Structures are given as structure tokens and as C-alpha cells.
Amino acid sequence: MLNQPFFIPSVIFFVLAIPLLINLIPRNRFYGVRTKRTISNDSVWYRANRFGGWVIILSSMFYILFAFLFPAKGSHDSDFNLFLLHLTAFALPLFISFYLISKYIKKL
């Protein structure tokens, strides 16, 4: 699994999302879902970061499942199309996550 193109970044996102999910991170300007709205209100901060933690974890899990089902053949793999599929399976769920987080914050 470690030889999959975006496995390590997916695991990093997964691990970084856990403290957000369990409300361990107080309001700050460095780590978490940071918008004017979340920075100005503790309740919005924790709700937005809990939601953000969930969707980022799901996004990471999606790529890990994809990499398991459609593995790259290794570092010597010259199949650019497979690399693009992996890139899409990694990046698209993250972009969707960021979109969902922004929509969620607007609802709060």
C-alpha cells in the first residue's frame, strides 16, 4: 500500500482530521477550518471542525479504498492514465469535502 501514489498524503489528512473530529483543537489561526465565522465563535468553530473532520476522514478513506481496489503497479509503473485516476480519486473527494464544509458553515 505504501507504494500507492497518494497513500501517505491520505493517511496524513486522516490523522490530522482526528483532533478536529473530537474537538481537541481550540480556535486558532493555524490549524482547523478557519474562516471569519469560525474564528469569531467557539460554537461555530467546534461544529464546523467536527463536520470538517468527518468529511476529510471519509475523503481519505475513499482514496485508500480506491488504491486497494485499483493499485498502481509500483514505482516503475509508466501508466500515466492510472496515475491520473489515482490523482482524481485523491483530489476530487478533497475538493468536494472543502465545498461541503463551506456549505455547512453557511448554514450555521
N, C-alpha and C. Protein backbone atom coordinates (compact mmCIF):
# COMPACT_ATOMS: atom_id res chain seq x y z
N MET A 1 0.81 -1.20 0.00
CA MET A 1 0.00 0.00 0.00
C MET A 1 0.85 1.26 0.00
N LEU A 2 2.00 1.22 0.64
CA LEU A 2 2.84 2.41 0.71
C LEU A 2 3.33 2.88 -0.65
N ASN A 3 3.32 2.02 -1.65
CA ASN A 3 3.79 2.42 -2.97
C ASN A 3 2.69 3.06 -3.81
N GLN A 4 1.50 3.24 -3.26
CA GLN A 4 0.43 3.91 -3.99
C GLN A 4 0.71 5.41 -3.98
N PRO A 5 0.43 6.10 -5.09
CA PRO A 5 0.89 7.48 -5.24
C PRO A 5 0.44 8.45 -4.15
N PHE A 6 -0.77 8.32 -3.64
CA PHE A 6 -1.28 9.29 -2.68
C PHE A 6 -1.67 8.65 -1.35
N PHE A 7 -1.11 7.49 -1.06
CA PHE A 7 -1.43 6.81 0.18
C PHE A 7 -0.96 7.60 1.39
N ILE A 8 0.29 8.04 1.39
CA ILE A 8 0.83 8.76 2.54
C ILE A 8 0.11 10.10 2.75
N PRO A 9 -0.13 10.91 1.71
CA PRO A 9 -0.92 12.13 1.95
C PRO A 9 -2.32 11.83 2.49
N SER A 10 -2.94 10.76 2.03
CA SER A 10 -4.27 10.39 2.53
C SER A 10 -4.21 10.05 4.02
N VAL A 11 -3.20 9.32 4.41
CA VAL A 11 -3.04 8.97 5.83
C VAL A 11 -2.77 10.22 6.65
N ILE A 12 -1.97 11.14 6.13
CA ILE A 12 -1.70 12.39 6.85
C ILE A 12 -2.99 13.19 7.04
N PHE A 13 -3.79 13.34 5.99
CA PHE A 13 -5.07 14.04 6.13
C PHE A 13 -5.96 13.33 7.15
N PHE A 14 -6.00 12.01 7.10
CA PHE A 14 -6.80 11.22 8.03
C PHE A 14 -6.39 11.53 9.47
N VAL A 15 -5.09 11.45 9.73
CA VAL A 15 -4.59 11.66 11.10
C VAL A 15 -4.82 13.10 11.55
N LEU A 16 -4.61 14.07 10.67
CA LEU A 16 -4.82 15.47 11.04
C LEU A 16 -6.29 15.80 11.27
N ALA A 17 -7.19 15.03 10.69
CA ALA A 17 -8.62 15.29 10.86
C ALA A 17 -9.16 14.75 12.20
N ILE A 18 -8.50 13.79 12.79
CA ILE A 18 -9.00 13.18 14.03
C ILE A 18 -9.13 14.19 15.16
N PRO A 19 -8.11 15.02 15.45
CA PRO A 19 -8.28 16.01 16.53
C PRO A 19 -9.42 17.00 16.25
N LEU A 20 -9.66 17.30 14.98
CA LEU A 20 -10.78 18.19 14.64
C LEU A 20 -12.11 17.50 14.94
N LEU A 21 -12.17 16.25 14.62
CA LEU A 21 -13.39 15.47 14.82
C LEU A 21 -13.77 15.37 16.29
N ILE A 22 -12.79 15.23 17.15
CA ILE A 22 -13.09 15.03 18.59
C ILE A 22 -12.92 16.32 19.40
N ASN A 23 -12.95 17.46 18.73
CA ASN A 23 -12.94 18.78 19.36
C ASN A 23 -11.74 19.02 20.26
N LEU A 24 -10.57 18.57 19.87
CA LEU A 24 -9.37 18.80 20.65
C LEU A 24 -8.70 20.13 20.34
N ILE A 25 -9.03 20.73 19.22
CA ILE A 25 -8.33 21.92 18.76
C ILE A 25 -9.15 23.17 19.06
N PRO A 26 -8.65 24.03 19.95
CA PRO A 26 -9.37 25.28 20.21
C PRO A 26 -9.21 26.25 19.04
N ARG A 27 -10.00 27.30 19.06
CA ARG A 27 -9.91 28.31 18.00
C ARG A 27 -8.48 28.81 17.88
N ASN A 28 -7.99 28.86 16.66
CA ASN A 28 -6.65 29.36 16.39
C ASN A 28 -6.57 29.78 14.93
N ARG A 29 -5.48 30.34 14.55
CA ARG A 29 -5.32 30.81 13.17
C ARG A 29 -4.42 29.91 12.33
N PHE A 30 -4.10 28.72 12.84
CA PHE A 30 -3.14 27.86 12.14
C PHE A 30 -3.69 26.50 11.71
N TYR A 31 -4.60 25.95 12.49
CA TYR A 31 -5.00 24.55 12.28
C TYR A 31 -6.50 24.41 12.47
N GLY A 32 -7.15 23.90 11.47
CA GLY A 32 -8.59 23.69 11.53
C GLY A 32 -9.29 24.40 10.39
N VAL A 33 -10.61 24.40 10.46
CA VAL A 33 -11.43 25.10 9.47
C VAL A 33 -11.47 26.56 9.91
N ARG A 34 -10.71 27.39 9.20
CA ARG A 34 -10.54 28.77 9.61
C ARG A 34 -11.22 29.71 8.62
N THR A 35 -12.30 30.31 9.07
CA THR A 35 -12.98 31.36 8.32
C THR A 35 -13.28 32.47 9.32
N LYS A 36 -13.72 33.61 8.83
CA LYS A 36 -14.09 34.69 9.76
C LYS A 36 -15.16 34.21 10.75
N ARG A 37 -16.07 33.44 10.23
CA ARG A 37 -17.17 32.97 11.07
C ARG A 37 -16.71 31.97 12.13
N THR A 38 -15.84 31.04 11.76
CA THR A 38 -15.40 30.04 12.74
C THR A 38 -14.44 30.65 13.76
N ILE A 39 -13.62 31.58 13.34
CA ILE A 39 -12.66 32.22 14.25
C ILE A 39 -13.39 33.07 15.29
N SER A 40 -14.55 33.60 14.94
CA SER A 40 -15.23 34.55 15.83
C SER A 40 -16.16 33.89 16.84
N ASN A 41 -16.40 32.57 16.73
CA ASN A 41 -17.41 31.95 17.60
C ASN A 41 -16.99 30.52 17.94
N ASP A 42 -16.90 30.23 19.24
CA ASP A 42 -16.49 28.89 19.67
C ASP A 42 -17.44 27.80 19.19
N SER A 43 -18.73 28.06 19.30
CA SER A 43 -19.71 27.05 18.89
C SER A 43 -19.59 26.72 17.41
N VAL A 44 -19.47 27.75 16.58
CA VAL A 44 -19.32 27.54 15.13
C VAL A 44 -17.99 26.84 14.85
N TRP A 45 -16.93 27.24 15.56
CA TRP A 45 -15.61 26.62 15.38
C TRP A 45 -15.69 25.11 15.58
N TYR A 46 -16.23 24.70 16.71
CA TYR A 46 -16.24 23.27 17.03
C TYR A 46 -17.19 22.48 16.11
N ARG A 47 -18.34 23.05 15.79
CA ARG A 47 -19.26 22.35 14.90
C ARG A 47 -18.69 22.21 13.49
N ALA A 48 -18.09 23.29 12.98
CA ALA A 48 -17.51 23.26 11.63
C ALA A 48 -16.33 22.30 11.57
N ASN A 49 -15.50 22.31 12.60
CA ASN A 49 -14.33 21.42 12.60
C ASN A 49 -14.73 19.97 12.80
N ARG A 50 -15.77 19.70 13.57
CA ARG A 50 -16.24 18.32 13.71
C ARG A 50 -16.74 17.81 12.36
N PHE A 51 -17.55 18.63 11.69
CA PHE A 51 -18.04 18.25 10.36
C PHE A 51 -16.88 18.10 9.38
N GLY A 52 -15.96 19.08 9.41
CA GLY A 52 -14.80 19.01 8.53
C GLY A 52 -13.95 17.78 8.77
N GLY A 53 -13.78 17.41 10.04
CA GLY A 53 -13.03 16.20 10.36
C GLY A 53 -13.68 14.97 9.75
N TRP A 54 -15.00 14.88 9.86
CA TRP A 54 -15.71 13.73 9.28
C TRP A 54 -15.52 13.64 7.78
N VAL A 55 -15.76 14.75 7.08
CA VAL A 55 -15.70 14.67 5.62
C VAL A 55 -14.27 14.44 5.12
N ILE A 56 -13.28 14.97 5.82
CA ILE A 56 -11.90 14.73 5.40
C ILE A 56 -11.50 13.29 5.67
N ILE A 57 -11.96 12.73 6.77
CA ILE A 57 -11.71 11.31 7.04
C ILE A 57 -12.36 10.44 5.97
N LEU A 58 -13.60 10.75 5.62
CA LEU A 58 -14.27 9.98 4.57
C LEU A 58 -13.55 10.13 3.23
N SER A 59 -13.08 11.32 2.94
CA SER A 59 -12.33 11.55 1.71
C SER A 59 -11.05 10.71 1.68
N SER A 60 -10.34 10.68 2.80
CA SER A 60 -9.12 9.87 2.89
C SER A 60 -9.42 8.39 2.74
N MET A 61 -10.48 7.96 3.39
CA MET A 61 -10.85 6.54 3.32
C MET A 61 -11.25 6.16 1.89
N PHE A 62 -11.88 7.09 1.17
CA PHE A 62 -12.25 6.82 -0.21
C PHE A 62 -11.01 6.52 -1.04
N TYR A 63 -9.97 7.36 -0.90
CA TYR A 63 -8.76 7.11 -1.68
C TYR A 63 -8.09 5.81 -1.27
N ILE A 64 -8.02 5.54 0.01
CA ILE A 64 -7.37 4.30 0.47
C ILE A 64 -8.10 3.09 -0.09
N LEU A 65 -9.42 3.12 -0.10
CA LEU A 65 -10.20 2.03 -0.69
C LEU A 65 -9.93 1.93 -2.19
N PHE A 66 -9.90 3.08 -2.86
CA PHE A 66 -9.61 3.11 -4.30
C PHE A 66 -8.24 2.49 -4.58
N ALA A 67 -7.24 2.89 -3.80
CA ALA A 67 -5.88 2.38 -4.00
C ALA A 67 -5.82 0.87 -3.75
N PHE A 68 -6.62 0.39 -2.83
CA PHE A 68 -6.67 -1.05 -2.57
C PHE A 68 -7.31 -1.79 -3.74
N LEU A 69 -8.38 -1.22 -4.29
CA LEU A 69 -9.11 -1.89 -5.38
C LEU A 69 -8.40 -1.75 -6.74
N PHE A 70 -7.71 -0.63 -6.95
CA PHE A 70 -7.05 -0.35 -8.23
C PHE A 70 -5.60 0.06 -7.97
N PRO A 71 -4.78 -0.85 -7.52
CA PRO A 71 -3.41 -0.48 -7.14
C PRO A 71 -2.55 -0.10 -8.34
N ALA A 72 -1.69 0.88 -8.09
CA ALA A 72 -0.65 1.19 -9.07
C ALA A 72 0.36 0.05 -9.01
N LYS A 73 1.03 -0.19 -10.09
CA LYS A 73 1.91 -1.35 -10.17
C LYS A 73 3.24 -1.14 -9.48
N GLY A 74 3.51 0.02 -8.97
CA GLY A 74 4.76 0.28 -8.28
C GLY A 74 5.44 1.52 -8.82
N SER A 75 6.62 1.77 -8.34
CA SER A 75 7.33 2.98 -8.71
C SER A 75 7.78 2.95 -10.17
N HIS A 76 7.84 1.78 -10.79
CA HIS A 76 8.27 1.68 -12.18
C HIS A 76 7.08 1.70 -13.15
N ASP A 77 5.92 1.97 -12.61
CA ASP A 77 4.72 1.99 -13.44
C ASP A 77 4.74 3.23 -14.34
N SER A 78 4.61 3.00 -15.62
CA SER A 78 4.61 4.12 -16.55
C SER A 78 3.21 4.41 -17.08
N ASP A 79 2.19 3.86 -16.46
CA ASP A 79 0.83 4.07 -16.92
C ASP A 79 0.31 5.41 -16.38
N PHE A 80 0.42 6.44 -17.20
CA PHE A 80 0.03 7.78 -16.79
C PHE A 80 -1.47 7.86 -16.53
N ASN A 81 -2.26 7.11 -17.26
CA ASN A 81 -3.71 7.12 -17.05
C ASN A 81 -4.07 6.61 -15.66
N LEU A 82 -3.39 5.57 -15.21
CA LEU A 82 -3.65 5.06 -13.87
C LEU A 82 -3.25 6.09 -12.81
N PHE A 83 -2.14 6.78 -13.05
CA PHE A 83 -1.73 7.84 -12.14
C PHE A 83 -2.79 8.93 -12.08
N LEU A 84 -3.33 9.32 -13.24
CA LEU A 84 -4.38 10.34 -13.27
C LEU A 84 -5.64 9.88 -12.54
N LEU A 85 -5.96 8.60 -12.65
CA LEU A 85 -7.09 8.07 -11.89
C LEU A 85 -6.84 8.17 -10.39
N HIS A 86 -5.63 7.85 -9.97
CA HIS A 86 -5.29 7.97 -8.56
C HIS A 86 -5.34 9.43 -8.10
N LEU A 87 -4.83 10.31 -8.93
CA LEU A 87 -4.87 11.74 -8.60
C LEU A 87 -6.31 12.22 -8.45
N THR A 88 -7.17 11.80 -9.35
CA THR A 88 -8.57 12.18 -9.30
C THR A 88 -9.24 11.59 -8.06
N ALA A 89 -8.95 10.34 -7.76
CA ALA A 89 -9.54 9.68 -6.59
C ALA A 89 -9.05 10.29 -5.29
N PHE A 90 -7.90 10.94 -5.31
CA PHE A 90 -7.39 11.62 -4.13
C PHE A 90 -7.93 13.05 -4.05
N ALA A 91 -7.83 13.80 -5.14
CA ALA A 91 -8.13 15.23 -5.12
C ALA A 91 -9.63 15.55 -5.17
N LEU A 92 -10.38 14.84 -5.98
CA LEU A 92 -11.80 15.15 -6.12
C LEU A 92 -12.56 15.04 -4.80
N PRO A 93 -12.40 13.96 -4.03
CA PRO A 93 -13.09 13.91 -2.74
C PRO A 93 -12.65 15.03 -1.79
N LEU A 94 -11.39 15.43 -1.86
CA LEU A 94 -10.95 16.55 -1.01
C LEU A 94 -11.63 17.85 -1.42
N PHE A 95 -11.71 18.12 -2.72
CA PHE A 95 -12.39 19.33 -3.17
C PHE A 95 -13.87 19.29 -2.80
N ILE A 96 -14.48 18.14 -2.92
CA ILE A 96 -15.88 18.00 -2.52
C ILE A 96 -16.01 18.24 -1.02
N SER A 97 -15.07 17.74 -0.24
CA SER A 97 -15.08 17.95 1.20
C SER A 97 -15.02 19.44 1.54
N PHE A 98 -14.10 20.16 0.88
CA PHE A 98 -13.98 21.59 1.14
C PHE A 98 -15.26 22.34 0.75
N TYR A 99 -15.87 21.92 -0.34
CA TYR A 99 -17.14 22.52 -0.75
C TYR A 99 -18.23 22.25 0.29
N LEU A 100 -18.33 21.01 0.75
CA LEU A 100 -19.34 20.66 1.75
C LEU A 100 -19.11 21.41 3.06
N ILE A 101 -17.85 21.57 3.44
CA ILE A 101 -17.54 22.32 4.66
C ILE A 101 -17.99 23.76 4.52
N SER A 102 -17.72 24.38 3.39
CA SER A 102 -18.12 25.78 3.20
C SER A 102 -19.65 25.92 3.21
N LYS A 103 -20.35 24.97 2.60
CA LYS A 103 -21.81 24.99 2.63
C LYS A 103 -22.32 24.80 4.06
N TYR A 104 -21.70 23.92 4.81
CA TYR A 104 -22.10 23.66 6.19
C TYR A 104 -21.92 24.93 7.04
N ILE A 105 -20.81 25.62 6.87
CA ILE A 105 -20.55 26.84 7.65
C ILE A 105 -21.59 27.90 7.33
N LYS A 106 -21.99 28.01 6.08
CA LYS A 106 -23.00 29.00 5.71
C LYS A 106 -24.35 28.70 6.38
N LYS A 107 -24.62 27.42 6.63
CA LYS A 107 -25.88 27.03 7.29
C LYS A 107 -25.88 27.35 8.78
N LEU A 108 -24.69 27.37 9.38
CA LEU A 108 -24.61 27.59 10.83
C LEU A 108 -25.02 28.99 11.23
